PDB file of N, CA and C in Angstrom:
ATOM      1  N   MET A   1     -95.455 -21.773-116.029  1.00  0.00           N
ATOM      2  CA  MET A   1     -96.427 -22.859-116.073  1.00  0.00           C
ATOM      3  C   MET A   1     -96.700 -23.344-114.646  1.00  0.00           C
ATOM      4  N   THR A   2     -97.954 -23.568-114.342  1.00  0.00           N
ATOM      5  CA  THR A   2     -98.353 -24.074-113.041  1.00  0.00           C
ATOM      6  C   THR A   2     -98.807 -25.517-113.192  1.00  0.00           C
ATOM      7  N   LEU A   3     -98.274 -26.366-112.358  1.00  0.00           N
ATOM      8  CA  LEU A   3     -98.685 -27.765-112.366  1.00  0.00           C
ATOM      9  C   LEU A   3    -100.088 -27.857-111.799  1.00  0.00           C
ATOM     10  N   GLU A   4    -100.988 -28.418-112.569  1.00  0.00           N
ATOM     11  CA  GLU A   4    -102.378 -28.518-112.135  1.00  0.00           C
ATOM     12  C   GLU A   4    -102.747 -29.982-111.943  1.00  0.00           C
ATOM     13  N   VAL A   5    -103.065 -30.356-110.733  1.00  0.00           N
ATOM     14  CA  VAL A   5    -103.509 -31.708-110.407  1.00  0.00           C
ATOM     15  C   VAL A   5    -104.982 -31.614-110.065  1.00  0.00           C
ATOM     16  N   LEU A   6    -105.799 -32.351-110.819  1.00  0.00           N
ATOM     17  CA  LEU A   6    -107.248 -32.273-110.650  1.00  0.00           C
ATOM     18  C   LEU A   6    -107.812 -33.573-110.099  1.00  0.00           C
ATOM     19  N   PRO A   7    -108.844 -33.480-109.299  1.00  0.00           N
ATOM     20  CA  PRO A   7    -109.470 -34.707-108.808  1.00  0.00           C
ATOM     21  C   PRO A   7    -110.292 -35.370-109.921  1.00  0.00           C
ATOM     22  N   VAL A   8    -110.407 -36.672-109.851  1.00  0.00           N
ATOM     23  CA  VAL A   8    -111.273 -37.421-110.763  1.00  0.00           C
ATOM     24  C   VAL A   8    -112.169 -38.324-109.929  1.00  0.00           C
ATOM     25  N   LYS A   9    -113.323 -38.588-110.461  1.00  0.00           N
ATOM     26  CA  LYS A   9    -114.245 -39.494-109.794  1.00  0.00           C
ATOM     27  C   LYS A   9    -113.641 -40.893-109.786  1.00  0.00           C
ATOM     28  N   ARG A  10    -113.686 -41.567-108.662  1.00  0.00           N
ATOM     29  CA  ARG A  10    -113.151 -42.924-108.574  1.00  0.00           C
ATOM     30  C   ARG A  10    -114.031 -43.847-109.420  1.00  0.00           C
ATOM     31  N   PRO A  11    -113.453 -44.453-110.469  1.00  0.00           N
ATOM     32  CA  PRO A  11    -114.272 -45.286-111.347  1.00  0.00           C
ATOM     33  C   PRO A  11    -114.634 -46.614-110.691  1.00  0.00           C
ATOM     34  N   SER A  12    -115.795 -47.117-111.055  1.00  0.00           N
ATOM     35  CA  SER A  12    -116.215 -48.433-110.579  1.00  0.00           C
ATOM     36  C   SER A  12    -116.759 -49.227-111.772  1.00  0.00           C
ATOM     37  N   TRP A  13    -116.796 -50.532-111.610  1.00  0.00           N
ATOM     38  CA  TRP A  13    -117.301 -51.401-112.673  1.00  0.00           C
ATOM     39  C   TRP A  13    -118.823 -51.335-112.705  1.00  0.00           C
ATOM     40  N   THR A  14    -119.376 -51.140-113.894  1.00  0.00           N
ATOM     41  CA  THR A  14    -120.825 -51.182-114.092  1.00  0.00           C
ATOM     42  C   THR A  14    -121.101 -51.986-115.359  1.00  0.00           C
ATOM     43  N   PRO A  15    -122.246 -52.649-115.420  1.00  0.00           N
ATOM     44  CA  PRO A  15    -122.575 -53.424-116.626  1.00  0.00           C
ATOM     45  C   PRO A  15    -122.715 -52.502-117.840  1.00  0.00           C
ATOM     46  N   LEU A  16    -122.220 -52.949-118.973  1.00  0.00           N
ATOM     47  CA  LEU A  16    -122.413 -52.249-120.234  1.00  0.00           C
ATOM     48  C   LEU A  16    -123.822 -52.584-120.694  1.00  0.00           C
ATOM     49  N   THR A  17    -124.680 -51.588-120.801  1.00  0.00           N
ATOM     50  CA  THR A  17    -126.108 -51.841-120.981  1.00  0.00           C
ATOM     51  C   THR A  17    -126.625 -51.596-122.398  1.00  0.00           C
ATOM     52  N   HIS A  18    -125.736 -51.358-123.368  1.00  0.00           N
ATOM     53  CA  HIS A  18    -126.200 -51.163-124.744  1.00  0.00           C
ATOM     54  C   HIS A  18    -126.854 -52.436-125.260  1.00  0.00           C
ATOM     55  N   ASP A  19    -127.893 -52.290-126.103  1.00  0.00           N
ATOM     56  CA  ASP A  19    -128.527 -53.454-126.714  1.00  0.00           C
ATOM     57  C   ASP A  19    -127.483 -54.292-127.429  1.00  0.00           C
ATOM     58  N   GLY A  20    -127.513 -55.593-127.228  1.00  0.00           N
ATOM     59  CA  GLY A  20    -126.578 -56.492-127.893  1.00  0.00           C
ATOM     60  C   GLY A  20    -125.285 -56.716-127.134  1.00  0.00           C
ATOM     61  N   CYS A  21    -125.070 -56.019-126.025  1.00  0.00           N
ATOM     62  CA  CYS A  21    -123.881 -56.231-125.201  1.00  0.00           C
ATOM     63  C   CYS A  21    -124.245 -57.211-124.094  1.00  0.00           C
ATOM     64  N   ILE A  22    -123.465 -58.291-123.994  1.00  0.00           N
ATOM     65  CA  ILE A  22    -123.770 -59.349-123.037  1.00  0.00           C
ATOM     66  C   ILE A  22    -122.526 -59.665-122.211  1.00  0.00           C
ATOM     67  N   ASN A  23    -122.668 -59.687-120.883  1.00  0.00           N
ATOM     68  CA  ASN A  23    -121.604 -60.084-119.951  1.00  0.00           C
ATOM     69  C   ASN A  23    -120.345 -59.229-120.051  1.00  0.00           C
ATOM     70  N   VAL A  24    -120.525 -57.912-120.258  1.00  0.00           N
ATOM     71  CA  VAL A  24    -119.406 -56.975-120.330  1.00  0.00           C
ATOM     72  C   VAL A  24    -119.629 -55.880-119.289  1.00  0.00           C
ATOM     73  N   ASP A  25    -118.584 -55.615-118.487  1.00  0.00           N
ATOM     74  CA  ASP A  25    -118.607 -54.514-117.520  1.00  0.00           C
ATOM     75  C   ASP A  25    -117.650 -53.433-117.998  1.00  0.00           C
ATOM     76  N   VAL A  26    -117.964 -52.189-117.669  1.00  0.00           N
ATOM     77  CA  VAL A  26    -117.146 -51.054-118.095  1.00  0.00           C
ATOM     78  C   VAL A  26    -116.736 -50.231-116.887  1.00  0.00           C
ATOM     79  N   LYS A  27    -115.527 -49.668-116.968  1.00  0.00           N
ATOM     80  CA  LYS A  27    -115.028 -48.730-115.969  1.00  0.00           C
ATOM     81  C   LYS A  27    -114.530 -47.516-116.761  1.00  0.00           C
ATOM     82  N   SER A  28    -115.288 -46.421-116.722  1.00  0.00           N
ATOM     83  CA  SER A  28    -114.900 -45.210-117.439  1.00  0.00           C
ATOM     84  C   SER A  28    -113.788 -44.518-116.662  1.00  0.00           C
ATOM     85  N   LEU A  29    -112.668 -44.285-117.327  1.00  0.00           N
ATOM     86  CA  LEU A  29    -111.499 -43.717-116.666  1.00  0.00           C
ATOM     87  C   LEU A  29    -111.351 -42.225-116.898  1.00  0.00           C
ATOM     88  N   LEU A  30    -111.653 -41.763-118.128  1.00  0.00           N
ATOM     89  CA  LEU A  30    -111.416 -40.370-118.467  1.00  0.00           C
ATOM     90  C   LEU A  30    -112.249 -40.000-119.682  1.00  0.00           C
ATOM     91  N   LYS A  31    -112.859 -38.820-119.650  1.00  0.00           N
ATOM     92  CA  LYS A  31    -113.581 -38.313-120.813  1.00  0.00           C
ATOM     93  C   LYS A  31    -113.221 -36.850-120.985  1.00  0.00           C
ATOM     94  N   LEU A  32    -112.554 -36.563-122.098  1.00  0.00           N
ATOM     95  CA  LEU A  32    -112.171 -35.207-122.456  1.00  0.00           C
ATOM     96  C   LEU A  32    -112.888 -34.834-123.741  1.00  0.00           C
ATOM     97  N   GLU A  33    -112.667 -33.631-124.207  1.00  0.00           N
ATOM     98  CA  GLU A  33    -113.332 -33.177-125.427  1.00  0.00           C
ATOM     99  C   GLU A  33    -112.983 -34.049-126.630  1.00  0.00           C
ATOM    100  N   HIS A  34    -111.745 -34.518-126.717  1.00  0.00           N
ATOM    101  CA  HIS A  34    -111.296 -35.236-127.902  1.00  0.00           C
ATOM    102  C   HIS A  34    -110.911 -36.688-127.646  1.00  0.00           C
ATOM    103  N   LEU A  35    -111.020 -37.157-126.414  1.00  0.00           N
ATOM    104  CA  LEU A  35    -110.513 -38.467-126.057  1.00  0.00           C
ATOM    105  C   LEU A  35    -111.313 -39.044-124.895  1.00  0.00           C
ATOM    106  N   ALA A  36    -111.593 -40.347-124.968  1.00  0.00           N
ATOM    107  CA  ALA A  36    -112.226 -41.039-123.849  1.00  0.00           C
ATOM    108  C   ALA A  36    -111.498 -42.354-123.625  1.00  0.00           C
ATOM    109  N   LEU A  37    -111.299 -42.709-122.363  1.00  0.00           N
ATOM    110  CA  LEU A  37    -110.635 -43.959-121.991  1.00  0.00           C
ATOM    111  C   LEU A  37    -111.556 -44.762-121.096  1.00  0.00           C
ATOM    112  N   ALA A  38    -111.644 -46.058-121.377  1.00  0.00           N
ATOM    113  CA  ALA A  38    -112.448 -46.944-120.538  1.00  0.00           C
ATOM    114  C   ALA A  38    -111.833 -48.338-120.549  1.00  0.00           C
ATOM    115  N   MET A  39    -111.993 -49.032-119.439  1.00  0.00           N
ATOM    116  CA  MET A  39    -111.609 -50.444-119.387  1.00  0.00           C
ATOM    117  C   MET A  39    -112.876 -51.255-119.534  1.00  0.00           C
ATOM    118  N   LEU A  40    -112.773 -52.356-120.270  1.00  0.00           N
ATOM    119  CA  LEU A  40    -113.898 -53.267-120.418  1.00  0.00           C
ATOM    120  C   LEU A  40    -113.476 -54.647-119.949  1.00  0.00           C
ATOM    121  N   ARG A  41    -114.334 -55.269-119.153  1.00  0.00           N
ATOM    122  CA  ARG A  41    -114.076 -56.594-118.602  1.00  0.00           C
ATOM    123  C   ARG A  41    -115.098 -57.561-119.203  1.00  0.00           C
ATOM    124  N   PHE A  42    -114.605 -58.547-119.930  1.00  0.00           N
ATOM    125  CA  PHE A  42    -115.445 -59.528-120.603  1.00  0.00           C
ATOM    126  C   PHE A  42    -115.418 -60.846-119.849  1.00  0.00           C
ATOM    127  N   ASP A  43    -116.589 -61.374-119.501  1.00  0.00           N
ATOM    128  CA  ASP A  43    -116.683 -62.725-118.977  1.00  0.00           C
ATOM    129  C   ASP A  43    -116.532 -63.693-120.146  1.00  0.00           C
ATOM    130  N   LYS A  44    -116.509 -64.977-119.877  1.00  0.00           N
ATOM    131  CA  LYS A  44    -116.567 -65.967-120.952  1.00  0.00           C
ATOM    132  C   LYS A  44    -117.885 -65.782-121.699  1.00  0.00           C
ATOM    133  N   ASN A  45    -117.860 -65.986-123.000  1.00  0.00           N
ATOM    134  CA  ASN A  45    -119.045 -65.866-123.862  1.00  0.00           C
ATOM    135  C   ASN A  45    -119.699 -64.486-123.759  1.00  0.00           C
ATOM    136  N   ALA A  46    -118.878 -63.450-123.742  1.00  0.00           N
ATOM    137  CA  ALA A  46    -119.358 -62.068-123.691  1.00  0.00           C
ATOM    138  C   ALA A  46    -119.253 -61.448-125.079  1.00  0.00           C
ATOM    139  N   THR A  47    -120.020 -60.383-125.315  1.00  0.00           N
ATOM    140  CA  THR A  47    -119.958 -59.735-126.619  1.00  0.00           C
ATOM    141  C   THR A  47    -120.348 -58.268-126.550  1.00  0.00           C
ATOM    142  N   ILE A  48    -119.716 -57.481-127.414  1.00  0.00           N
ATOM    143  CA  ILE A  48    -120.174 -56.147-127.758  1.00  0.00           C
ATOM    144  C   ILE A  48    -120.698 -56.274-129.175  1.00  0.00           C
ATOM    145  N   HIS A  49    -121.942 -55.929-129.376  1.00  0.00           N
ATOM    146  CA  HIS A  49    -122.601 -56.089-130.672  1.00  0.00           C
ATOM    147  C   HIS A  49    -121.871 -55.334-131.781  1.00  0.00           C
ATOM    148  N   GLU A  50    -122.110 -55.745-133.010  1.00  0.00           N
ATOM    149  CA  GLU A  50    -121.518 -55.069-134.160  1.00  0.00           C
ATOM    150  C   GLU A  50    -122.182 -53.710-134.360  1.00  0.00           C
ATOM    151  N   HIS A  51    -121.354 -52.678-134.472  1.00  0.00           N
ATOM    152  CA  HIS A  51    -121.851 -51.315-134.675  1.00  0.00           C
ATOM    153  C   HIS A  51    -120.707 -50.428-135.148  1.00  0.00           C
ATOM    154  N   PRO A  52    -120.991 -49.353-135.862  1.00  0.00           N
ATOM    155  CA  PRO A  52    -119.950 -48.397-136.239  1.00  0.00           C
ATOM    156  C   PRO A  52    -119.835 -47.299-135.184  1.00  0.00           C
ATOM    157  N   ALA A  53    -118.750 -46.559-135.233  1.00  0.00           N
ATOM    158  CA  ALA A  53    -118.576 -45.365-134.385  1.00  0.00           C
ATOM    159  C   ALA A  53    -118.227 -44.203-135.302  1.00  0.00           C
ATOM    160  N   ASP A  54    -118.480 -42.996-134.839  1.00  0.00           N
ATOM    161  CA  ASP A  54    -118.180 -41.797-135.617  1.00  0.00           C
ATOM    162  C   ASP A  54    -116.714 -41.392-135.505  1.00  0.00           C
ATOM    163  N   PHE A  55    -115.914 -42.176-134.803  1.00  0.00           N
ATOM    164  CA  PHE A  55    -114.520 -41.848-134.541  1.00  0.00           C
ATOM    165  C   PHE A  55    -113.711 -43.130-134.486  1.00  0.00           C
ATOM    166  N   ASP A  56    -112.383 -43.006-134.636  1.00  0.00           N
ATOM    167  CA  ASP A  56    -111.491 -44.157-134.502  1.00  0.00           C
ATOM    168  C   ASP A  56    -111.460 -44.623-133.054  1.00  0.00           C
ATOM    169  N   VAL A  57    -111.311 -45.938-132.870  1.00  0.00           N
ATOM    170  CA  VAL A  57    -111.204 -46.521-131.537  1.00  0.00           C
ATOM    171  C   VAL A  57    -110.026 -47.492-131.538  1.00  0.00           C
ATOM    172  N   ASP A  58    -109.120 -47.346-130.566  1.00  0.00           N
ATOM    173  CA  ASP A  58    -108.055 -48.320-130.352  1.00  0.00           C
ATOM    174  C   ASP A  58    -108.484 -49.232-129.217  1.00  0.00           C
ATOM    175  N   VAL A  59    -108.324 -50.538-129.425  1.00  0.00           N
ATOM    176  CA  VAL A  59    -108.622 -51.536-128.405  1.00  0.00           C
ATOM    177  C   VAL A  59    -107.310 -52.226-128.051  1.00  0.00           C
ATOM    178  N   ILE A  60    -106.935 -52.171-126.779  1.00  0.00           N
ATOM    179  CA  ILE A  60    -105.709 -52.801-126.313  1.00  0.00           C
ATOM    180  C   ILE A  60    -106.103 -53.923-125.360  1.00  0.00           C
ATOM    181  N   CYS A  61    -105.688 -55.142-125.682  1.00  0.00           N
ATOM    182  CA  CYS A  61    -105.994 -56.284-124.823  1.00  0.00           C
ATOM    183  C   CYS A  61    -104.975 -56.317-123.688  1.00  0.00           C
ATOM    184  N   LEU A  62    -105.449 -56.119-122.456  1.00  0.00           N
ATOM    185  CA  LEU A  62    -104.585 -56.087-121.276  1.00  0.00           C
ATOM    186  C   LEU A  62    -104.453 -57.454-120.615  1.00  0.00           C
ATOM    187  N   GLY A  63    -105.415 -58.341-120.865  1.00  0.00           N
ATOM    188  CA  GLY A  63    -105.385 -59.662-120.256  1.00  0.00           C
ATOM    189  C   GLY A  63    -106.377 -60.582-120.923  1.00  0.00           C
ATOM    190  N   GLY A  64    -106.054 -61.870-120.948  1.00  0.00           N
ATOM    191  CA  GLY A  64    -106.936 -62.852-121.565  1.00  0.00           C
ATOM    192  C   GLY A  64    -106.881 -62.780-123.078  1.00  0.00           C
ATOM    193  N   SER A  65    -107.972 -63.203-123.706  1.00  0.00           N
ATOM    194  CA  SER A  65    -108.036 -63.166-125.169  1.00  0.00           C
ATOM    195  C   SER A  65    -109.485 -63.177-125.612  1.00  0.00           C
ATOM    196  N   GLY A  66    -109.683 -62.798-126.867  1.00  0.00           N
ATOM    197  CA  GLY A  66    -111.015 -62.781-127.448  1.00  0.00           C
ATOM    198  C   GLY A  66    -110.910 -62.663-128.952  1.00  0.00           C
ATOM    199  N   PHE A  67    -111.915 -62.080-129.535  1.00  0.00           N
ATOM    200  CA  PHE A  67    -111.985 -61.936-130.981  1.00  0.00           C
ATOM    201  C   PHE A  67    -112.501 -60.550-131.318  1.00  0.00           C
ATOM    202  N   THR A  68    -112.084 -60.056-132.483  1.00  0.00           N
ATOM    203  CA  THR A  68    -112.550 -58.770-132.962  1.00  0.00           C
ATOM    204  C   THR A  68    -112.851 -58.874-134.447  1.00  0.00           C
ATOM    205  N   SER A  69    -113.735 -58.007-134.906  1.00  0.00           N
ATOM    206  CA  SER A  69    -114.005 -57.941-136.336  1.00  0.00           C
ATOM    207  C   SER A  69    -114.209 -56.491-136.739  1.00  0.00           C
ATOM    208  N   VAL A  70    -113.863 -56.222-137.987  1.00  0.00           N
ATOM    209  CA  VAL A  70    -114.144 -54.943-138.641  1.00  0.00           C
ATOM    210  C   VAL A  70    -114.696 -55.322-140.007  1.00  0.00           C
ATOM    211  N   GLY A  71    -115.964 -54.977-140.245  1.00  0.00           N
ATOM    212  CA  GLY A  71    -116.599 -55.397-141.485  1.00  0.00           C
ATOM    213  C   GLY A  71    -116.642 -56.918-141.545  1.00  0.00           C
ATOM    214  N   LYS A  72    -116.161 -57.484-142.640  1.00  0.00           N
ATOM    215  CA  LYS A  72    -116.179 -58.943-142.807  1.00  0.00           C
ATOM    216  C   LYS A  72    -114.899 -59.616-142.328  1.00  0.00           C
ATOM    217  N   GLU A  73    -113.893 -58.832-141.925  1.00  0.00           N
ATOM    218  CA  GLU A  73    -112.639 -59.398-141.432  1.00  0.00           C
ATOM    219  C   GLU A  73    -112.729 -59.635-139.932  1.00  0.00           C
ATOM    220  N   GLN A  74    -112.193 -60.783-139.475  1.00  0.00           N
ATOM    221  CA  GLN A  74    -112.152 -61.034-138.043  1.00  0.00           C
ATOM    222  C   GLN A  74    -110.822 -61.665-137.677  1.00  0.00           C
ATOM    223  N   SER A  75    -110.457 -61.520-136.387  1.00  0.00           N
ATOM    224  CA  SER A  75    -109.169 -62.003-135.914  1.00  0.00           C
ATOM    225  C   SER A  75    -109.229 -62.243-134.419  1.00  0.00           C
ATOM    226  N   PRO A  76    -108.437 -63.207-133.931  1.00  0.00           N
ATOM    227  CA  PRO A  76    -108.274 -63.284-132.476  1.00  0.00           C
ATOM    228  C   PRO A  76    -107.465 -62.090-131.999  1.00  0.00           C
ATOM    229  N   ILE A  77    -107.626 -61.732-130.733  1.00  0.00           N
ATOM    230  CA  ILE A  77    -106.815 -60.683-130.108  1.00  0.00           C
ATOM    231  C   ILE A  77    -106.364 -61.219-128.754  1.00  0.00           C
ATOM    232  N   TYR A  78    -105.059 -61.085-128.502  1.00  0.00           N
ATOM    233  CA  TYR A  78    -104.447 -61.639-127.302  1.00  0.00           C
ATOM    234  C   TYR A  78    -103.841 -60.534-126.448  1.00  0.00           C
ATOM    235  N   GLU A  79    -103.563 -60.875-125.180  1.00  0.00           N
ATOM    236  CA  GLU A  79    -102.916 -59.945-124.267  1.00  0.00           C
ATOM    237  C   GLU A  79    -101.680 -59.342-124.929  1.00  0.00           C
ATOM    238  N   GLY A  80    -101.554 -58.019-124.842  1.00  0.00           N
ATOM    239  CA  GLY A  80    -100.411 -57.336-125.421  1.00  0.00           C
ATOM    240  C   GLY A  80    -100.603 -56.925-126.873  1.00  0.00           C
ATOM    241  N   GLU A  81    -101.791 -57.147-127.430  1.00  0.00           N
ATOM    242  CA  GLU A  81    -102.059 -56.756-128.813  1.00  0.00           C
ATOM    243  C   GLU A  81    -103.054 -55.607-128.853  1.00  0.00           C
ATOM    244  N   ARG A  82    -103.003 -54.862-129.980  1.00  0.00           N
ATOM    245  CA  ARG A  82    -103.877 -53.711-130.179  1.00  0.00           C
ATOM    246  C   ARG A  82    -104.510 -53.810-131.556  1.00  0.00           C
ATOM    247  N   VAL A  83    -105.745 -53.346-131.646  1.00  0.00           N
ATOM    248  CA  VAL A  83    -106.427 -53.250-132.934  1.00  0.00           C
ATOM    249  C   VAL A  83    -107.054 -51.862-133.018  1.00  0.00           C
ATOM    250  N   ARG A  84    -107.108 -51.310-134.219  1.00  0.00           N
ATOM    251  CA  ARG A  84    -107.789 -50.021-134.420  1.00  0.00           C
ATOM    252  C   ARG A  84    -109.049 -50.280-135.223  1.00  0.00           C
ATOM    253  N   TRP A  85    -110.169 -49.759-134.708  1.00  0.00           N
ATOM    254  CA  TRP A  85    -111.432 -49.777-135.435  1.00  0.00           C
ATOM    255  C   TRP A  85    -111.582 -48.418-136.111  1.00  0.00           C
ATOM    256  N   PRO A  86    -111.568 -48.367-137.448  1.00  0.00           N
ATOM    257  CA  PRO A  86    -111.691 -47.080-138.133  1.00  0.00           C
ATOM    258  C   PRO A  86    -113.098 -46.496-138.014  1.00  0.00           C
ATOM    259  N   ALA A  87    -113.181 -45.182-138.004  1.00  0.00           N
ATOM    260  CA  ALA A  87    -114.469 -44.483-137.939  1.00  0.00           C
ATOM    261  C   ALA A  87    -115.372 -44.948-139.075  1.00  0.00           C
ATOM    262  N   GLY A  88    -116.642 -45.159-138.754  1.00  0.00           N
ATOM    263  CA  GLY A  88    -117.647 -45.495-139.752  1.00  0.00           C
ATOM    264  C   GLY A  88    -117.722 -46.956-140.144  1.00  0.00           C
ATOM    265  N   LYS A  89    -116.784 -47.795-139.681  1.00  0.00           N
ATOM    266  CA  LYS A  89    -116.777 -49.221-140.033  1.00  0.00           C
ATOM    267  C   LYS A  89    -117.441 -50.033-138.920  1.00  0.00           C
ATOM    268  N   PRO A  90    -118.364 -50.936-139.269  1.00  0.00           N
ATOM    269  CA  PRO A  90    -118.953 -51.801-138.241  1.00  0.00           C
ATOM    270  C   PRO A  90    -117.872 -52.674-137.590  1.00  0.00           C
ATOM    271  N   HIS A  91    -117.861 -52.730-136.270  1.00  0.00           N
ATOM    272  CA  HIS A  91    -116.874 -53.515-135.543  1.00  0.00           C
ATOM    273  C   HIS A  91    -117.547 -54.263-134.403  1.00  0.00           C
ATOM    274  N   ARG A  92    -116.842 -55.273-133.900  1.00  0.00           N
ATOM    275  CA  ARG A  92    -117.394 -56.117-132.841  1.00  0.00           C
ATOM    276  C   ARG A  92    -116.244 -56.667-131.998  1.00  0.00           C
ATOM    277  N   LEU A  93    -116.507 -57.003-130.743  1.00  0.00           N
ATOM    278  CA  LEU A  93    -115.527 -57.596-129.837  1.00  0.00           C
ATOM    279  C   LEU A  93    -116.240 -58.636-128.997  1.00  0.00           C
ATOM    280  N   TRP A  94    -115.637 -59.846-128.845  1.00  0.00           N
ATOM    281  CA  TRP A  94    -116.314 -60.903-128.103  1.00  0.00           C
ATOM    282  C   TRP A  94    -115.316 -61.927-127.576  1.00  0.00           C
ATOM    283  N   THR A  95    -115.790 -62.736-126.631  1.00  0.00           N
ATOM    284  CA  THR A  95    -115.008 -63.839-126.078  1.00  0.00           C
ATOM    285  C   THR A  95    -115.808 -65.123-126.228  1.00  0.00           C
ATOM    286  N   THR A  96    -115.086 -66.234-126.153  1.00  0.00           N
ATOM    287  CA  THR A  96    -115.755 -67.542-126.131  1.00  0.00           C
ATOM    288  C   THR A  96    -115.364 -68.248-124.831  1.00  0.00           C
ATOM    289  N   ASP A  97    -114.236 -68.983-124.831  1.00  0.00           N
ATOM    290  CA  ASP A  97    -113.832 -69.780-123.672  1.00  0.00           C
ATOM    291  C   ASP A  97    -112.918 -69.056-122.695  1.00  0.00           C
ATOM    292  N   ASP A  98    -112.590 -67.799-122.953  1.00  0.00           N
ATOM    293  CA  ASP A  98    -111.654 -67.062-122.102  1.00  0.00           C
ATOM    294  C   ASP A  98    -112.301 -65.755-121.645  1.00  0.00           C
ATOM    295  N   GLU A  99    -111.778 -65.196-120.587  1.00  0.00           N
ATOM    296  CA  GLU A  99    -112.151 -63.856-120.163  1.00  0.00           C
ATOM    297  C   GLU A  99    -111.159 -62.886-120.782  1.00  0.00           C
ATOM    298  N   MET A 100    -111.498 -61.598-120.812  1.00  0.00           N
ATOM    299  CA  MET A 100    -110.615 -60.613-121.421  1.00  0.00           C
ATOM    300  C   MET A 100    -110.797 -59.263-120.731  1.00  0.00           C
ATOM    301  N   LEU A 101    -109.695 -58.527-120.626  1.00  0.00           N
ATOM    302  CA  LEU A 101    -109.702 -57.166-120.102  1.00  0.00           C
ATOM    303  C   LEU A 101    -109.097 -56.273-121.173  1.00  0.00           C
ATOM    304  N   THR A 102    -109.801 -55.191-121.535  1.00  0.00           N
ATOM    305  CA  THR A 102    -109.312 -54.303-122.587  1.00  0.00           C
ATOM    306  C   THR A 102    -109.312 -52.857-122.122  1.00  0.00           C
ATOM    307  N   LEU A 103    -108.468 -52.074-122.780  1.00  0.00           N
ATOM    308  CA  LEU A 103    -108.485 -50.630-122.649  1.00  0.00           C
ATOM    309  C   LEU A 103    -109.007 -50.084-123.970  1.00  0.00           C
ATOM    310  N   MET A 104    -110.060 -49.274-123.916  1.00  0.00           N
ATOM    311  CA  MET A 104    -110.640 -48.667-125.108  1.00  0.00           C
ATOM    312  C   MET A 104    -110.226 -47.202-125.137  1.00  0.00           C
ATOM    313  N   VAL A 105    -109.649 -46.790-126.258  1.00  0.00           N
ATOM    314  CA  VAL A 105    -109.228 -45.413-126.454  1.00  0.00           C
ATOM    315  C   VAL A 105    -110.070 -44.852-127.593  1.00  0.00           C
ATOM    316  N   GLU A 106    -111.022 -44.015-127.264  1.00  0.00           N
ATOM    317  CA  GLU A 106    -111.915 -43.428-128.267  1.00  0.00           C
ATOM    318  C   GLU A 106    -111.375 -42.064-128.664  1.00  0.00           C
ATOM    319  N   HIS A 107    -111.014 -41.940-129.945  1.00  0.00           N
ATOM    320  CA  HIS A 107    -110.484 -40.686-130.486  1.00  0.00           C
ATOM    321  C   HIS A 107    -111.673 -39.861-130.974  1.00  0.00           C
ATOM    322  N   ILE A 108    -112.357 -39.221-130.047  1.00  0.00           N
ATOM    323  CA  ILE A 108    -113.637 -38.574-130.324  1.00  0.00           C
ATOM    324  C   ILE A 108    -113.528 -37.552-131.445  1.00  0.00           C
ATOM    325  N   GLN A 109    -112.445 -36.822-131.502  1.00  0.00           N
ATOM    326  CA  GLN A 109    -112.256 -35.907-132.624  1.00  0.00           C
ATOM    327  C   GLN A 109    -111.294 -36.587-133.588  1.00  0.00           C
ATOM    328  N   SER A 110    -111.840 -37.405-134.480  1.00  0.00           N
ATOM    329  CA  SER A 110    -111.034 -38.157-135.425  1.00  0.00           C
ATOM    330  C   SER A 110    -110.593 -37.259-136.590  1.00  0.00           C
ATOM    331  N   THR A 111    -109.804 -37.831-137.484  1.00  0.00           N
ATOM    332  CA  THR A 111    -109.332 -37.110-138.669  1.00  0.00           C
ATOM    333  C   THR A 111    -110.505 -36.588-139.473  1.00  0.00           C
ATOM    334  N   LYS A 112    -111.565 -37.378-139.560  1.00  0.00           N
ATOM    335  CA  LYS A 112    -112.768 -36.975-140.291  1.00  0.00           C
ATOM    336  C   LYS A 112    -113.360 -35.691-139.698  1.00  0.00           C
ATOM    337  N   THR A 113    -113.441 -35.614-138.382  1.00  0.00           N
ATOM    338  CA  THR A 113    -113.977 -34.434-137.706  1.00  0.00           C
ATOM    339  C   THR A 113    -113.056 -33.231-137.911  1.00  0.00           C
ATOM    340  N   LEU A 114    -111.743 -33.455-137.798  1.00  0.00           N
ATOM    341  CA  LEU A 114    -110.789 -32.368-137.963  1.00  0.00           C
ATOM    342  C   LEU A 114    -110.836 -31.798-139.376  1.00  0.00           C
ATOM    343  N   ALA A 115    -111.070 -32.650-140.388  1.00  0.00           N
ATOM    344  CA  ALA A 115    -111.112 -32.207-141.783  1.00  0.00           C
ATOM    345  C   ALA A 115    -112.296 -31.273-142.040  1.00  0.00           C
ATOM    346  N   SER A 116    -113.376 -31.410-141.261  1.00  0.00           N
ATOM    347  CA  SER A 116    -114.560 -30.594-141.482  1.00  0.00           C
ATOM    348  C   SER A 116    -114.433 -29.195-140.862  1.00  0.00           C
ATOM    349  N   LYS A 117    -113.364 -28.947-140.110  1.00  0.00           N
ATOM    350  CA  LYS A 117    -113.185 -27.639-139.460  1.00  0.00           C
ATOM    351  C   LYS A 117    -112.544 -26.640-140.401  1.00  0.00           C
TER     352      LYS A 117
END
């Protein structure tokens, strides 16, 4: 086995520009065939609009706090906590009086995708 160390593009913060996303910056860290990692920085009163994804997403709160919802259920999320958004379910993430930093782990090839192979 040969140890392979590969260069990566130095990530920088850019505004998240999807419709319905307000006051959120993203730093894309890694994108592979089956996995994507990104950090999201939320200002006070920031939001990612409600939408489903074709794959499971883990959200890890690295700092601050905010709120998350899946379907009609919602909950606060605090530093050191994780939530999983299941594939196909509408989900949302937002802040009110606090800022928040999250790590998003997108499982691009979810169980649903693997079952179709």
